[in-house]
Amino acid sequence: MWNDPLALNRLSAMLLVLALLSAGATAARWFARQPQFAIRAVVVTPLDGQALQHVTADRVARYCVPQINGTIFTADLAKARHAFESLPWVRTASVRRQWPDRLVVRLEEHRALARWNDEGGNRFVSLLGEAFNAPGEAELGRALPLLSGPEGSEREVARHYGAFRERLAAIGKDPKLVMLSARQAWTVRLADGMVLEIGREQQGSTVLSRMERFVAHYATTVGRIAARVEVVDLRYPNGFAARVPGLRATLSPERPQAERLPQRKPRTPQRIAKPAAGRA
C-alpha cells in the first residue's frame, strides 16, 4: 500500500474526515454546554386535562429541579422523568425540551378512591385500582373509605367496593370498609356501623347475589328493626341472620318457630330475615 499513491490518498482523506468529525463533535459538545443554553424554566401541566390536586410548585422546586442538570441540549430527560414520577401522587410523567430554555413536564396524578391497608392515610388505592403511597394525608384519609386485602388484590377489592356501593345506594347505605380476608371471604362495614358478613364465592351463590338479596329484602326485614343491628350474616343460601344486642331472636313470618336456625353464640340473639335452609 505504501507504494500505491492512490491508496495513500484515500487513507489520508479518510483520516482527515475522521479528524474533522471528531473536532466537530468536540465543538458541538462545548457549544451545547455553554451557559446561554441553560434551562431557565420548568413548566408543569396536567397530562389528562384535569387540574393537579397534589403536586405543588414547592414540591417541584424542592425535589425535582435540583435533579435536572445540564442545558437544553444536554439535560437527561429520563432522569428528570424519574424525579417527577418519584413524587407522591404522580402516576406518570413525560418530559420534553422546548426551545430555547425550558423543559415541559406533563403529569398524571393518581385519583384516590380509598385508603388501602392503612388506617392513617399513608397508602391509597386509585380509581384505576392501583395502590400508591402518599404519606402524611391523614385528613384526606379520614374522608375516604378503607379497603383491605392481600397485597396484589387491590384491583379486585376496588371493583367489588364499587359494586357494593352501587347496590347499597338503593337502600340509602354506604360502605366505609370493604375487606377481603386471606381466605377470600368478604366483609363490609357500613357508615352506620352495621357489619355485613358476606363470605366467599360459592358455586350458585355469588358474593354479589347475596348482597342483592339483602338489598331486595332489607325494607321488610332488617330495615324494620328499631334497635341497632350489629351484624348481618349473609352466608346462607336462602336467607340471612341479624345480630341485634338486647333483642330476642325473632322469625320471619315465612318460617315457623321450629325451623329457626341455631344462634352462632348462645348470648347473642339473632333475627332470621328470610327462609334459610343451611349455611353457604
Foldseek 3Di string as FASTA:
>chain_A
DVVDVVVVVVVVVVVVVVVVVVVVVVVVVVVQQDPVQEADEEAEEAPVPDHDDPDDPVCCVPFQVVQFDGGLPDTDQVSSQVSVCPDFQWDGKGWHGDPRHYIYIYTHGFAFQAAEPDQQPQWGAGLQQRITGDPPPRVVRVVHAYEYEPPPCSNVRSVVQVLLQVLCVLVPWHWRYWYQYPVRWIWTAIPVQEIEGQTHQDVVRGSSNLSNVCSVQVCVFVVPDPADWHYWYSQFNWWIKTWGPPDAEDEDPVDDPVQDDDDPDPRTHMYTRGDGDDGD
